[in-house]
Protein backbone atom coordinates (compact mmCIF):
# COMPACT_ATOMS: atom_id res chain seq x y z
CA MET A 1 -98.36 27.08 -110.11
CA ILE A 2 -98.24 30.37 -108.20
CA GLY A 3 -95.93 31.83 -110.85
CA PHE A 4 -98.38 30.83 -113.57
CA ALA A 5 -101.28 32.46 -111.73
CA LEU A 6 -99.31 35.64 -111.11
CA GLY A 7 -98.15 35.68 -114.73
CA LEU A 8 -101.75 35.34 -115.90
CA LEU A 9 -102.84 38.17 -113.62
CA GLU A 10 -99.95 40.32 -114.83
CA TYR A 11 -100.88 39.57 -118.44
CA ARG A 12 -104.50 40.60 -117.88
CA LEU A 13 -103.48 43.88 -116.24
CA MET A 14 -100.74 44.76 -118.72
CA SER A 15 -102.77 43.87 -121.79
CA ALA A 16 -105.75 45.91 -120.58
CA VAL A 17 -103.61 49.00 -120.04
CA VAL A 18 -101.36 48.72 -123.09
CA ILE A 19 -103.96 47.59 -125.62
CA GLY A 20 -106.48 50.09 -124.28
CA ALA A 21 -103.96 52.89 -124.83
CA LEU A 22 -103.17 51.61 -128.31
CA ARG A 23 -106.85 51.52 -129.26
CA ARG A 24 -107.29 55.12 -128.06
CA THR A 25 -104.40 56.30 -130.25
CA ASP A 26 -105.59 54.47 -133.38
CA ARG A 27 -105.64 56.95 -136.26
CA SER A 28 -106.52 54.53 -139.03
CA ALA A 29 -108.22 56.25 -141.94
CA THR A 30 -109.17 53.24 -144.03
CA GLU A 31 -110.47 49.77 -143.27
CA ALA A 32 -107.18 48.23 -144.47
CA GLU A 33 -105.20 50.36 -142.02
CA LYS A 34 -107.61 49.42 -139.24
CA GLN A 35 -107.18 45.70 -140.00
CA ASP A 36 -103.38 46.06 -140.05
CA TYR A 37 -103.50 47.88 -136.70
CA GLU A 38 -105.65 45.10 -135.20
CA ARG A 39 -103.26 42.47 -136.59
CA ARG A 40 -100.35 44.20 -134.88
CA ILE A 41 -102.30 44.33 -131.61
CA ARG A 42 -102.90 40.56 -131.85
CA ILE A 43 -99.15 40.01 -132.33
CA LEU A 44 -98.42 42.20 -129.31
CA ARG A 45 -101.01 40.32 -127.25
CA GLY A 46 -99.31 37.02 -128.15
CA ALA A 47 -95.89 38.38 -127.21
CA LEU A 48 -97.22 39.65 -123.88
CA MET A 49 -98.81 36.28 -123.21
CA ALA A 50 -95.58 34.44 -123.97
CA MET A 51 -93.53 36.72 -121.73
CA THR A 52 -95.82 36.97 -118.73
CA VAL A 53 -97.43 33.53 -118.62
CA GLY A 54 -94.59 31.54 -120.15
CA LEU A 55 -91.36 33.24 -119.15
CA MET A 56 -92.11 34.72 -115.73
CA PRO A 57 -92.92 31.43 -113.93
CA ILE A 58 -89.75 29.87 -115.34
CA LEU A 59 -87.69 32.87 -114.30
CA GLY A 60 -89.24 32.80 -110.82
CA PHE A 61 -88.42 29.11 -110.47
CA VAL A 62 -84.81 29.62 -111.52
CA ILE A 63 -84.34 32.59 -109.18
CA GLY A 64 -86.02 30.72 -106.31
CA ARG A 65 -83.79 27.69 -106.81
CA ALA A 66 -80.68 29.87 -107.00
CA LEU A 67 -81.50 31.83 -103.84
CA PHE A 68 -83.12 29.20 -101.65
CA GLY A 69 -81.72 25.95 -103.00
């Protein structure tokens, strides 16, 4: 449960920084480009969520079991 909470916190921090930077560098000229850029940001947000909230607690559990039995 602690790994899940830390993963969620990490996701919130990472997504705020990374997606904020991506939005500042958006140079879309047309509405279609803007929509494609937003679609890619949603995909990135999903990947970040899967890695931080899904993978990190599992990895922490495996490492904890390996080190401390």
